[in-house]
Amino acid sequence: MKQLLDLYQDILDNGETKDDRTGVGSIQVFGRQLRFDLSKNFPMVTTRTVNFKSVLAELLWLISGSTDTRILNEQGVHIWDAWAVDQEAIDEVKDKMTKHLKSIQVTGSEPTELNWEPMTQMIQDRLGSIGPIYGPNWRKWQTPSHTSIDQLANVIEEIKTNSGSRRLVVSAWNPAVLPSDKMAPKKNAAIGLGALAPCHALFQFHVRTDKEGVKRLDCQLYQRSADVVLGSTFNIPSYSLLTMMIAKICGLEPGEFVYTIGNAHIYLNHVEGVKEQLTRKPLCEPTVRINTTEQNKDNIDGFKFEDFTLYGYTALPPIKYTRAV
């Protein structure tokens, strides 16, 4: 993906060094866009090895609406573990909640036996969760009337029945569940907020007919914040796959994936690895085949891992990058 390497060079040449939430520091630029023609090949980084299995497993997990990282762990995928609720976070939240509830009992009144079990069990049930960042907002957006909206299913139906719509949008940006900057990610998720604010915040589809008369599905992602070294190398193939899956369900051919970034950054502890990666020449990009089955032919929830085959992926050796948490 030469486009991504060009973005790396752009950030090194034109970026501003700033402190950030992680404490690592990063070099940042604002407002960048990359475009990928999915009718030609599949955009995967080849100047270092990227694990396609992890990309696909995460995407299917997001589509399912889950927040439970233990499902990913069972497949050998650990990309979200650093932000997932652990027992230490649960115990700390329970302790603070108990102290707070005791403190608000009426002074001078007889001690009352409060039943905290339902609330503490609800917190305990969040073990392994990253909170409502992506999946729940895509599939179960909560409304004031206590119903939920399946944005992804609604958009797919709209593509099928009203393909000229300009409202083919799925949003993960839900202000009601954004995390507090004053708490660690795991503690945010333990109290039911997102561990992180959504980075890939909104995506929109567009149906068009190309010059050969082929109807194609395009997708544009707006990513408010992109760790272009570790994040973008997953986000680009992930949303490309999602576009291909929805195109298949809707009887369309995949078109273009447009990747729009707000804050594009390279963490300071990634700079040396990026410089090494920029010395490497990109190899030929692979292709992906998605097999149609009775389960997935018209159902986004019907896709399974074995339905996908990556062809011709050859990549240069890994470069060790440390994730900024």
C-alpha atoms as a PDB file:
ATOM      1  CA  MET A   1       0.000   0.000   0.000  1.00  0.00           C
ATOM      2  CA  LYS A   2       2.060   2.875  -1.282  1.00  0.00           C
ATOM      3  CA  GLN A   3      -0.659   5.331  -0.204  1.00  0.00           C
ATOM      4  CA  LEU A   4      -0.063   4.474   3.458  1.00  0.00           C
ATOM      5  CA  LEU A   5       3.714   4.776   3.124  1.00  0.00           C
ATOM      6  CA  ASP A   6       3.212   8.196   1.525  1.00  0.00           C
ATOM      7  CA  LEU A   7       1.107   9.182   4.535  1.00  0.00           C
ATOM      8  CA  TYR A   8       3.908   8.055   6.878  1.00  0.00           C
ATOM      9  CA  GLN A   9       6.365  10.275   5.020  1.00  0.00           C
ATOM     10  CA  ASP A  10       3.891  13.162   5.039  1.00  0.00           C
ATOM     11  CA  ILE A  11       3.539  12.925   8.821  1.00  0.00           C
ATOM     12  CA  LEU A  12       7.302  12.765   9.375  1.00  0.00           C
ATOM     13  CA  ASP A  13       7.869  15.725   7.051  1.00  0.00           C
ATOM     14  CA  ASN A  14       4.945  17.958   8.020  1.00  0.00           C
ATOM     15  CA  GLY A  15       3.660  16.783  11.384  1.00  0.00           C
ATOM     16  CA  GLU A  16       3.700  18.544  14.731  1.00  0.00           C
ATOM     17  CA  THR A  17       4.944  16.738  17.834  1.00  0.00           C
ATOM     18  CA  LYS A  18       2.391  16.814  20.654  1.00  0.00           C
ATOM     19  CA  ASP A  19       1.601  15.149  23.955  1.00  0.00           C
ATOM     20  CA  ASP A  20      -1.435  12.853  23.935  1.00  0.00           C
ATOM     21  CA  ARG A  21      -3.766  10.776  26.061  1.00  0.00           C
ATOM     22  CA  THR A  22      -1.401   7.801  26.177  1.00  0.00           C
ATOM     23  CA  GLY A  23       1.559   9.769  27.542  1.00  0.00           C
ATOM     24  CA  VAL A  24       3.767   8.450  24.724  1.00  0.00           C
ATOM     25  CA  GLY A  25       3.596  11.534  22.485  1.00  0.00           C
ATOM     26  CA  SER A  26       3.036  11.552  18.742  1.00  0.00           C
ATOM     27  CA  ILE A  27       3.711  13.384  15.481  1.00  0.00           C
ATOM     28  CA  GLN A  28       0.389  14.558  14.068  1.00  0.00           C
ATOM     29  CA  VAL A  29      -1.206  15.974  10.928  1.00  0.00           C
ATOM     30  CA  PHE A  30      -4.884  16.772  10.384  1.00  0.00           C
ATOM     31  CA  GLY A  31      -7.203  16.000   7.497  1.00  0.00           C
ATOM     32  CA  ARG A  32      -5.899  13.317   5.128  1.00  0.00           C
ATOM     33  CA  GLN A  33      -7.592  10.946   2.661  1.00  0.00           C
ATOM     34  CA  LEU A  34      -6.545   7.688   0.972  1.00  0.00           C
ATOM     35  CA  ARG A  35      -8.504   5.859  -1.744  1.00  0.00           C
ATOM     36  CA  PHE A  36      -8.457   2.151  -2.631  1.00  0.00           C
ATOM     37  CA  ASP A  37     -10.032   0.505  -5.695  1.00  0.00           C
ATOM     38  CA  LEU A  38     -11.465  -2.770  -4.394  1.00  0.00           C
ATOM     39  CA  SER A  39     -12.255  -3.958  -7.932  1.00  0.00           C
ATOM     40  CA  LYS A  40      -8.540  -4.417  -8.584  1.00  0.00           C
ATOM     41  CA  ASN A  41      -7.001  -5.877  -5.439  1.00  0.00           C
ATOM     42  CA  PHE A  42      -7.268  -6.052  -1.667  1.00  0.00           C
ATOM     43  CA  PRO A  43      -5.456  -3.345   0.344  1.00  0.00           C
ATOM     44  CA  MET A  44      -3.100  -5.022   2.802  1.00  0.00           C
ATOM     45  CA  VAL A  45       0.269  -3.714   3.961  1.00  0.00           C
ATOM     46  CA  THR A  46       3.119  -5.746   2.448  1.00  0.00           C
ATOM     47  CA  THR A  47       6.124  -3.822   3.815  1.00  0.00           C
ATOM     48  CA  ARG A  48       5.602  -5.753   7.041  1.00  0.00           C
ATOM     49  CA  THR A  49       3.424  -8.724   7.918  1.00  0.00           C
ATOM     50  CA  VAL A  50      -0.196  -8.092   8.946  1.00  0.00           C
ATOM     51  CA  ASN A  51      -2.271 -10.921  10.409  1.00  0.00           C
ATOM     52  CA  PHE A  52      -5.331 -11.357   8.160  1.00  0.00           C
ATOM     53  CA  LYS A  53      -6.849 -13.809  10.634  1.00  0.00           C
ATOM     54  CA  SER A  54      -6.932 -11.116  13.320  1.00  0.00           C
ATOM     55  CA  VAL A  55      -8.407  -8.526  10.930  1.00  0.00           C
ATOM     56  CA  LEU A  56     -11.209 -10.881   9.906  1.00  0.00           C
ATOM     57  CA  ALA A  57     -11.897 -12.196  13.410  1.00  0.00           C
ATOM     58  CA  GLU A  58     -12.218  -8.661  14.759  1.00  0.00           C
ATOM     59  CA  LEU A  59     -14.566  -7.612  11.947  1.00  0.00           C
ATOM     60  CA  LEU A  60     -16.905 -10.583  12.445  1.00  0.00           C
ATOM     61  CA  TRP A  61     -16.858  -9.842  16.182  1.00  0.00           C
ATOM     62  CA  LEU A  62     -17.789  -6.188  15.585  1.00  0.00           C
ATOM     63  CA  ILE A  63     -20.582  -7.186  13.207  1.00  0.00           C
ATOM     64  CA  SER A  64     -21.980  -9.527  15.872  1.00  0.00           C
ATOM     65  CA  GLY A  65     -22.414  -6.538  18.198  1.00  0.00           C
ATOM     66  CA  SER A  66     -20.237  -8.069  20.904  1.00  0.00           C
ATOM     67  CA  THR A  67     -17.926  -6.249  23.310  1.00  0.00           C
ATOM     68  CA  ASP A  68     -16.538  -9.403  24.955  1.00  0.00           C
ATOM     69  CA  THR A  69     -12.847  -9.787  24.107  1.00  0.00           C
ATOM     70  CA  ARG A  70     -12.831 -13.337  25.451  1.00  0.00           C
ATOM     71  CA  ILE A  71     -14.548 -14.368  22.210  1.00  0.00           C
ATOM     72  CA  LEU A  72     -11.528 -13.019  20.317  1.00  0.00           C
ATOM     73  CA  ASN A  73      -9.132 -14.631  22.802  1.00  0.00           C
ATOM     74  CA  GLU A  74     -10.631 -18.043  22.039  1.00  0.00           C
ATOM     75  CA  GLN A  75      -9.534 -17.486  18.422  1.00  0.00           C
ATOM     76  CA  GLY A  76      -6.021 -16.470  19.450  1.00  0.00           C
ATOM     77  CA  VAL A  77      -6.693 -12.758  18.891  1.00  0.00           C
ATOM     78  CA  HIS A  78      -5.565 -10.384  21.654  1.00  0.00           C
ATOM     79  CA  ILE A  79      -5.598  -6.957  19.995  1.00  0.00           C
ATOM     80  CA  TRP A  80      -8.127  -5.509  22.473  1.00  0.00           C
ATOM     81  CA  ASP A  81      -6.804  -7.061  25.688  1.00  0.00           C
ATOM     82  CA  ALA A  82      -5.028  -3.906  26.891  1.00  0.00           C
ATOM     83  CA  TRP A  83      -8.390  -2.070  27.158  1.00  0.00           C
ATOM     84  CA  ALA A  84     -10.670  -4.895  28.295  1.00  0.00           C
ATOM     85  CA  VAL A  85     -12.159  -4.985  31.784  1.00  0.00           C
ATOM     86  CA  ASP A  86     -10.153  -7.182  34.151  1.00  0.00           C
ATOM     87  CA  GLN A  87     -10.945  -8.339  37.695  1.00  0.00           C
ATOM     88  CA  GLU A  88      -8.796  -5.608  39.234  1.00  0.00           C
ATOM     89  CA  ALA A  89     -10.889  -2.904  37.514  1.00  0.00           C
ATOM     90  CA  ILE A  90     -14.115  -4.613  38.587  1.00  0.00           C
ATOM     91  CA  ASP A  91     -13.013  -4.884  42.220  1.00  0.00           C
ATOM     92  CA  GLU A  92     -11.995  -1.225  42.325  1.00  0.00           C
ATOM     93  CA  VAL A  93     -15.290  -0.051  40.820  1.00  0.00           C
ATOM     94  CA  LYS A  94     -17.281  -2.259  43.206  1.00  0.00           C
ATOM     95  CA  ASP A  95     -15.334  -0.918  46.188  1.00  0.00           C
ATOM     96  CA  LYS A  96     -15.888   2.723  45.202  1.00  0.00           C
ATOM     97  CA  MET A  97     -19.567   2.087  44.534  1.00  0.00           C
ATOM     98  CA  THR A  98     -20.036   0.416  47.920  1.00  0.00           C
ATOM     99  CA  LYS A  99     -18.313   3.253  49.772  1.00  0.00           C
ATOM    100  CA  HIS A 100     -20.396   5.820  47.908  1.00  0.00           C
ATOM    101  CA  LEU A 101     -23.708   4.084  48.626  1.00  0.00           C
ATOM    102  CA  LYS A 102     -22.846   3.782  52.307  1.00  0.00           C
ATOM    103  CA  SER A 103     -21.871   7.441  52.466  1.00  0.00           C
ATOM    104  CA  ILE A 104     -25.252   8.655  51.221  1.00  0.00           C
ATOM    105  CA  GLN A 105     -27.345   6.838  53.810  1.00  0.00           C
ATOM    106  CA  VAL A 106     -29.226   9.349  55.961  1.00  0.00           C
ATOM    107  CA  THR A 107     -27.123  10.416  58.958  1.00  0.00           C
ATOM    108  CA  GLY A 108     -28.632   9.285  62.267  1.00  0.00           C
ATOM    109  CA  SER A 109     -30.976   6.761  60.721  1.00  0.00           C
ATOM    110  CA  GLU A 110     -30.910   3.088  61.469  1.00  0.00           C
ATOM    111  CA  PRO A 111     -28.470   1.231  59.140  1.00  0.00           C
ATOM    112  CA  THR A 112     -30.365  -0.367  56.299  1.00  0.00           C
ATOM    113  CA  GLU A 113     -29.479  -3.534  54.498  1.00  0.00           C
ATOM    114  CA  LEU A 114     -29.158  -2.489  50.862  1.00  0.00           C
ATOM    115  CA  ASN A 115     -29.404  -5.113  48.158  1.00  0.00           C
ATOM    116  CA  TRP A 116     -26.406  -4.295  45.976  1.00  0.00           C
ATOM    117  CA  GLU A 117     -26.177  -7.749  44.458  1.00  0.00           C
ATOM    118  CA  PRO A 118     -27.912  -6.943  41.130  1.00  0.00           C
ATOM    119  CA  MET A 119     -25.646  -3.945  40.521  1.00  0.00           C
ATOM    120  CA  THR A 120     -22.437  -5.692  41.539  1.00  0.00           C
ATOM    121  CA  GLN A 121     -23.354  -8.680  39.367  1.00  0.00           C
ATOM    122  CA  MET A 122     -23.946  -6.369  36.415  1.00  0.00           C
ATOM    123  CA  ILE A 123     -20.448  -4.959  36.885  1.00  0.00           C
ATOM    124  CA  GLN A 124     -18.977  -8.451  37.266  1.00  0.00           C
ATOM    125  CA  ASP A 125     -20.651  -9.497  34.008  1.00  0.00           C
ATOM    126  CA  ARG A 126     -18.557  -6.859  32.195  1.00  0.00           C
ATOM    127  CA  LEU A 127     -15.374  -8.898  32.691  1.00  0.00           C
ATOM    128  CA  GLY A 128     -13.540  -8.942  29.343  1.00  0.00           C
ATOM    129  CA  SER A 129     -15.658  -6.137  27.857  1.00  0.00           C
ATOM    130  CA  ILE A 130     -14.387  -3.009  26.085  1.00  0.00           C
ATOM    131  CA  GLY A 131     -17.756  -1.331  26.526  1.00  0.00           C
ATOM    132  CA  PRO A 132     -20.025   0.150  23.840  1.00  0.00           C
ATOM    133  CA  ILE A 133     -17.450   1.462  21.360  1.00  0.00           C
ATOM    134  CA  TYR A 134     -18.407  -0.167  18.044  1.00  0.00           C
ATOM    135  CA  GLY A 135     -20.527  -3.323  17.953  1.00  0.00           C
ATOM    136  CA  PRO A 136     -23.381  -2.218  20.244  1.00  0.00           C
ATOM    137  CA  ASN A 137     -23.651   1.148  18.505  1.00  0.00           C
ATOM    138  CA  TRP A 138     -23.710  -0.498  15.071  1.00  0.00           C
ATOM    139  CA  ARG A 139     -26.288  -3.126  16.029  1.00  0.00           C
ATOM    140  CA  LYS A 140     -28.126  -2.036  19.222  1.00  0.00           C
ATOM    141  CA  TRP A 141     -28.135   1.761  19.453  1.00  0.00           C
ATOM    142  CA  GLN A 142     -30.247   2.503  22.512  1.00  0.00           C
ATOM    143  CA  THR A 143     -33.090   5.019  22.197  1.00  0.00           C
ATOM    144  CA  PRO A 144     -34.837   7.156  24.856  1.00  0.00           C
ATOM    145  CA  SER A 145     -37.885   4.887  24.544  1.00  0.00           C
ATOM    146  CA  HIS A 146     -35.770   1.866  25.595  1.00  0.00           C
ATOM    147  CA  THR A 147     -35.780   0.273  22.169  1.00  0.00           C
ATOM    148  CA  SER A 148     -32.724  -0.325  20.006  1.00  0.00           C
ATOM    149  CA  ILE A 149     -31.759   0.458  16.418  1.00  0.00           C
ATOM    150  CA  ASP A 150     -29.823  -1.960  14.235  1.00  0.00           C
ATOM    151  CA  GLN A 151     -28.042   0.622  12.090  1.00  0.00           C
ATOM    152  CA  LEU A 152     -26.113  -1.923  10.042  1.00  0.00           C
ATOM    153  CA  ALA A 153     -29.147  -4.030   9.133  1.00  0.00           C
ATOM    154  CA  ASN A 154     -31.124  -0.884   8.328  1.00  0.00           C
ATOM    155  CA  VAL A 155     -28.423   0.414   5.977  1.00  0.00           C
ATOM    156  CA  ILE A 156     -28.198  -2.921   4.168  1.00  0.00           C
ATOM    157  CA  GLU A 157     -31.980  -2.932   3.646  1.00  0.00           C
ATOM    158  CA  GLU A 158     -31.836   0.645   2.405  1.00  0.00           C
ATOM    159  CA  ILE A 159     -29.076  -0.221  -0.096  1.00  0.00           C
ATOM    160  CA  LYS A 160     -31.287  -3.005  -1.437  1.00  0.00           C
ATOM    161  CA  THR A 161     -34.479  -0.958  -1.669  1.00  0.00           C
ATOM    162  CA  ASN A 162     -33.394   2.678  -2.019  1.00  0.00           C
ATOM    163  CA  SER A 163     -29.860   2.642  -3.361  1.00  0.00           C
ATOM    164  CA  GLY A 164     -29.927   6.320  -4.313  1.00  0.00           C
ATOM    165  CA  SER A 165     -30.261   7.386  -0.693  1.00  0.00           C
ATOM    166  CA  ARG A 166     -27.703   9.811   0.725  1.00  0.00           C
ATOM    167  CA  ARG A 167     -28.416   8.539   4.235  1.00  0.00           C
ATOM    168  CA  LEU A 168     -26.586   5.210   4.046  1.00  0.00           C
ATOM    169  CA  VAL A 169     -24.722   5.993   7.265  1.00  0.00           C
ATOM    170  CA  VAL A 170     -23.667   3.984  10.327  1.00  0.00           C
ATOM    171  CA  SER A 171     -22.381   5.952  13.316  1.00  0.00           C
ATOM    172  CA  ALA A 172     -20.405   4.674  16.286  1.00  0.00           C
ATOM    173  CA  TRP A 173     -20.181   8.143  17.862  1.00  0.00           C
ATOM    174  CA  ASN A 174     -22.620   7.993  20.775  1.00  0.00           C
ATOM    175  CA  PRO A 175     -22.035  10.867  23.244  1.00  0.00           C
ATOM    176  CA  ALA A 176     -24.073   9.082  25.919  1.00  0.00           C
ATOM    177  CA  VAL A 177     -21.426   6.361  26.350  1.00  0.00           C
ATOM    178  CA  LEU A 178     -18.184   8.238  25.658  1.00  0.00           C
ATOM    179  CA  PRO A 179     -15.511   7.516  28.291  1.00  0.00           C
ATOM    180  CA  SER A 180     -14.359   9.902  30.973  1.00  0.00           C
ATOM    181  CA  ASP A 181     -10.839  11.288  30.515  1.00  0.00           C
ATOM    182  CA  LYS A 182     -10.449  11.090  34.306  1.00  0.00           C
ATOM    183  CA  MET A 183     -10.647   7.294  34.389  1.00  0.00           C
ATOM    184  CA  ALA A 184      -8.555   4.537  32.891  1.00  0.00           C
ATOM    185  CA  PRO A 185     -10.083   2.727  29.884  1.00  0.00           C
ATOM    186  CA  LYS A 186     -10.772  -0.487  31.805  1.00  0.00           C
ATOM    187  CA  LYS A 187     -12.640   1.371  34.549  1.00  0.00           C
ATOM    188  CA  ASN A 188     -14.745   3.232  32.002  1.00  0.00           C
ATOM    189  CA  ALA A 189     -15.783  -0.082  30.486  1.00  0.00           C
ATOM    190  CA  ALA A 190     -16.457  -1.550  33.944  1.00  0.00           C
ATOM    191  CA  ILE A 191     -19.132   1.100  34.601  1.00  0.00           C
ATOM    192  CA  GLY A 192     -20.746   0.637  31.194  1.00  0.00           C
ATOM    193  CA  LEU A 193     -19.023   3.342  29.141  1.00  0.00           C
ATOM    194  CA  GLY A 194     -16.707   2.765  26.194  1.00  0.00           C
ATOM    195  CA  ALA A 195     -13.143   1.934  27.147  1.00  0.00           C
ATOM    196  CA  LEU A 196     -12.129   4.355  24.403  1.00  0.00           C
ATOM    197  CA  ALA A 197     -13.966   6.892  22.287  1.00  0.00           C
ATOM    198  CA  PRO A 198     -14.624   5.410  18.832  1.00  0.00           C
ATOM    199  CA  CYS A 199     -11.715   6.102  16.478  1.00  0.00           C
ATOM    200  CA  HIS A 200     -13.495   4.997  13.296  1.00  0.00           C
ATOM    201  CA  ALA A 201     -16.534   7.070  14.093  1.00  0.00           C
ATOM    202  CA  LEU A 202     -18.793   6.981  11.030  1.00  0.00           C
ATOM    203  CA  PHE A 203     -19.051   5.251   7.661  1.00  0.00           C
ATOM    204  CA  GLN A 204     -21.249   5.884   4.643  1.00  0.00           C
ATOM    205  CA  PHE A 205     -22.098   3.829   1.560  1.00  0.00           C
ATOM    206  CA  HIS A 206     -22.777   4.964  -1.987  1.00  0.00           C
ATOM    207  CA  VAL A 207     -24.110   2.949  -4.944  1.00  0.00           C
ATOM    208  CA  ARG A 208     -22.989   3.950  -8.432  1.00  0.00           C
ATOM    209  CA  THR A 209     -22.870   2.586 -11.965  1.00  0.00           C
ATOM    210  CA  ASP A 210     -19.383   2.621 -13.475  1.00  0.00           C
ATOM    211  CA  LYS A 211     -18.469   3.332 -17.107  1.00  0.00           C
ATOM    212  CA  GLU A 212     -18.885  -0.351 -18.008  1.00  0.00           C
ATOM    213  CA  GLY A 213     -22.411  -0.399 -16.601  1.00  0.00           C
ATOM    214  CA  VAL A 214     -21.472  -2.333 -13.452  1.00  0.00           C
ATOM    215  CA  LYS A 215     -23.246  -1.336 -10.243  1.00  0.00           C
ATOM    216  CA  ARG A 216     -20.703  -0.874  -7.478  1.00  0.00           C
ATOM    217  CA  LEU A 217     -20.772  -0.179  -3.748  1.00  0.00           C
ATOM    218  CA  ASP A 218     -18.394   2.453  -2.381  1.00  0.00           C
ATOM    219  CA  CYS A 219     -17.684   3.086   1.285  1.00  0.00           C
ATOM    220  CA  GLN A 220     -16.197   6.114   2.985  1.00  0.00           C
ATOM    221  CA  LEU A 221     -14.953   5.884   6.567  1.00  0.00           C
ATOM    222  CA  TYR A 222     -14.392   8.950   8.712  1.00  0.00           C
ATOM    223  CA  GLN A 223     -11.788   8.114  11.334  1.00  0.00           C
ATOM    224  CA  ARG A 224     -11.419  10.930  13.857  1.00  0.00           C
ATOM    225  CA  SER A 225      -8.102   9.584  15.169  1.00  0.00           C
ATOM    226  CA  ALA A 226      -5.756   7.134  13.467  1.00  0.00           C
ATOM    227  CA  ASP A 227      -2.661   5.438  14.796  1.00  0.00           C
ATOM    228  CA  VAL A 228      -1.499   5.002  11.214  1.00  0.00           C
ATOM    229  CA  VAL A 229       1.110   2.372  12.085  1.00  0.00           C
ATOM    230  CA  LEU A 230      -0.920  -0.171  14.063  1.00  0.00           C
ATOM    231  CA  GLY A 231      -4.503   1.050  13.663  1.00  0.00           C
ATOM    232  CA  SER A 232      -4.754   1.937   9.983  1.00  0.00           C
ATOM    233  CA  THR A 233      -3.103  -1.314   8.909  1.00  0.00           C
ATOM    234  CA  PHE A 234      -6.162  -3.062  10.407  1.00  0.00           C
ATOM    235  CA  ASN A 235      -8.852  -0.481   9.636  1.00  0.00           C
ATOM    236  CA  ILE A 236      -8.168  -0.347   5.891  1.00  0.00           C
ATOM    237  CA  PRO A 237      -8.524  -4.097   5.196  1.00  0.00           C
ATOM    238  CA  SER A 238     -11.333  -4.392   7.753  1.00  0.00           C
ATOM    239  CA  TYR A 239     -13.600  -1.806   6.131  1.00  0.00           C
ATOM    240  CA  SER A 240     -12.635  -3.085   2.688  1.00  0.00           C
ATOM    241  CA  LEU A 241     -13.886  -6.517   3.747  1.00  0.00           C
ATOM    242  CA  LEU A 242     -17.068  -5.011   5.183  1.00  0.00           C
ATOM    243  CA  THR A 243     -17.712  -3.215   1.886  1.00  0.00           C
ATOM    244  CA  MET A 244     -17.178  -6.456  -0.047  1.00  0.00           C
ATOM    245  CA  MET A 245     -19.509  -8.381   2.262  1.00  0.00           C
ATOM    246  CA  ILE A 246     -22.346  -5.871   1.984  1.00  0.00           C
ATOM    247  CA  ALA A 247     -21.870  -5.573  -1.780  1.00  0.00           C
ATOM    248  CA  LYS A 248     -22.243  -9.343  -2.047  1.00  0.00           C
ATOM    249  CA  ILE A 249     -25.426  -9.394   0.038  1.00  0.00           C
ATOM    250  CA  CYS A 250     -26.922  -6.579  -2.033  1.00  0.00           C
ATOM    251  CA  GLY A 251     -26.045  -8.005  -5.456  1.00  0.00           C
ATOM    252  CA  LEU A 252     -23.422  -5.349  -6.189  1.00  0.00           C
ATOM    253  CA  GLU A 253     -19.727  -5.368  -7.003  1.00  0.00           C
ATOM    254  CA  PRO A 254     -17.224  -3.754  -4.621  1.00  0.00           C
ATOM    255  CA  GLY A 255     -16.130  -0.287  -5.706  1.00  0.00           C
ATOM    256  CA  GLU A 256     -13.924   2.131  -3.824  1.00  0.00           C
ATOM    257  CA  PHE A 257     -12.967   2.378  -0.168  1.00  0.00           C
ATOM    258  CA  VAL A 258     -12.316   5.997   0.788  1.00  0.00           C
ATOM    259  CA  TYR A 259     -10.360   6.387   4.019  1.00  0.00           C
ATOM    260  CA  THR A 260     -10.722   9.863   5.532  1.00  0.00           C
ATOM    261  CA  ILE A 261      -8.735  10.690   8.656  1.00  0.00           C
ATOM    262  CA  GLY A 262      -9.051  13.582  11.089  1.00  0.00           C
ATOM    263  CA  ASN A 263      -5.987  13.322  13.327  1.00  0.00           C
ATOM    264  CA  ALA A 264      -3.395  11.055  11.669  1.00  0.00           C
ATOM    265  CA  HIS A 265      -0.459  10.323  13.952  1.00  0.00           C
ATOM    266  CA  ILE A 266       2.702   8.311  14.420  1.00  0.00           C
ATOM    267  CA  TYR A 267       3.583   7.606  18.049  1.00  0.00           C
ATOM    268  CA  LEU A 268       7.102   8.636  19.000  1.00  0.00           C
ATOM    269  CA  ASN A 269       8.028   5.063  19.936  1.00  0.00           C
ATOM    270  CA  HIS A 270       7.104   3.988  16.375  1.00  0.00           C
ATOM    271  CA  VAL A 271       9.276   6.476  14.487  1.00  0.00           C
ATOM    272  CA  GLU A 272      12.338   4.260  14.073  1.00  0.00           C
ATOM    273  CA  GLY A 273      10.205   1.352  12.879  1.00  0.00           C
ATOM    274  CA  VAL A 274       8.432   3.628  10.395  1.00  0.00           C
ATOM    275  CA  LYS A 275      11.762   4.807   9.008  1.00  0.00           C
ATOM    276  CA  GLU A 276      12.745   1.166   8.518  1.00  0.00           C
ATOM    277  CA  GLN A 277       9.415   0.427   6.835  1.00  0.00           C
ATOM    278  CA  LEU A 278       9.872   3.368   4.455  1.00  0.00           C
ATOM    279  CA  THR A 279      13.080   1.789   3.125  1.00  0.00           C
ATOM    280  CA  ARG A 280      11.132  -1.281   2.007  1.00  0.00           C
ATOM    281  CA  LYS A 281       9.517  -1.615  -1.408  1.00  0.00           C
ATOM    282  CA  PRO A 282       5.826  -2.649  -1.415  1.00  0.00           C
ATOM    283  CA  LEU A 283       5.068  -6.068  -2.904  1.00  0.00           C
ATOM    284  CA  CYS A 284       2.067  -7.014  -5.036  1.00  0.00           C
ATOM    285  CA  GLU A 285      -1.210  -6.674  -3.157  1.00  0.00           C
ATOM    286  CA  PRO A 286      -3.359  -9.769  -2.607  1.00  0.00           C
ATOM    287  CA  THR A 287      -6.972 -10.543  -3.470  1.00  0.00           C
ATOM    288  CA  VAL A 288      -9.805 -11.891  -1.335  1.00  0.00           C
ATOM    289  CA  ARG A 289     -12.547 -14.305  -2.289  1.00  0.00           C
ATOM    290  CA  ILE A 290     -15.779 -14.548  -0.300  1.00  0.00           C
ATOM    291  CA  ASN A 291     -17.719 -17.760  -0.826  1.00  0.00           C
ATOM    292  CA  THR A 292     -21.506 -17.455  -0.996  1.00  0.00           C
ATOM    293  CA  THR A 293     -23.408 -19.843   1.266  1.00  0.00           C
ATOM    294  CA  GLU A 294     -27.043 -20.327   2.214  1.00  0.00           C
ATOM    295  CA  GLN A 295     -26.249 -18.633   5.513  1.00  0.00           C
ATOM    296  CA  ASN A 296     -24.579 -15.489   4.153  1.00  0.00           C
ATOM    297  CA  LYS A 297     -26.216 -14.914   0.778  1.00  0.00           C
ATOM    298  CA  ASP A 298     -28.596 -12.306   2.198  1.00  0.00           C
ATOM    299  CA  ASN A 299     -27.592 -12.043   5.858  1.00  0.00           C
ATOM    300  CA  ILE A 300     -24.682 -10.034   7.282  1.00  0.00           C
ATOM    301  CA  ASP A 301     -24.756 -12.272  10.378  1.00  0.00           C
ATOM    302  CA  GLY A 302     -24.372 -15.412   8.265  1.00  0.00           C
ATOM    303  CA  PHE A 303     -20.692 -14.992   7.409  1.00  0.00           C
ATOM    304  CA  LYS A 304     -18.181 -17.370   8.974  1.00  0.00           C
ATOM    305  CA  PHE A 305     -14.391 -17.291   9.078  1.00  0.00           C
ATOM    306  CA  GLU A 306     -14.098 -20.135   6.578  1.00  0.00           C
ATOM    307  CA  ASP A 307     -16.075 -18.177   3.949  1.00  0.00           C
ATOM    308  CA  PHE A 308     -13.038 -15.953   3.300  1.00  0.00           C
ATOM    309  CA  THR A 309      -9.837 -16.822   1.423  1.00  0.00           C
ATOM    310  CA  LEU A 310      -6.853 -14.499   1.037  1.00  0.00           C
ATOM    311  CA  TYR A 311      -4.853 -15.145  -2.140  1.00  0.00           C
ATOM    312  CA  GLY A 312      -1.350 -14.050  -3.019  1.00  0.00           C
ATOM    313  CA  TYR A 313      -0.402 -12.318   0.220  1.00  0.00           C
ATOM    314  CA  THR A 314       3.351 -12.057   0.502  1.00  0.00           C
ATOM    315  CA  ALA A 315       4.805  -9.623   3.011  1.00  0.00           C
ATOM    316  CA  LEU A 316       8.205  -8.570   4.254  1.00  0.00           C
ATOM    317  CA  PRO A 317       9.329  -9.535   7.783  1.00  0.00           C
ATOM    318  CA  PRO A 318       7.564  -8.097  10.834  1.00  0.00           C
ATOM    319  CA  ILE A 319       8.636  -4.857  12.483  1.00  0.00           C
ATOM    320  CA  LYS A 320       8.104  -4.797  16.241  1.00  0.00           C
ATOM    321  CA  TYR A 321       5.878  -1.899  17.286  1.00  0.00           C
ATOM    322  CA  THR A 322       4.747  -1.351  20.879  1.00  0.00           C
ATOM    323  CA  ARG A 323       1.106  -0.423  21.241  1.00  0.00           C
ATOM    324  CA  ALA A 324       0.352   2.904  22.960  1.00  0.00           C
ATOM    325  CA  VAL A 325      -2.413   2.344  25.528  1.00  0.00           C
END
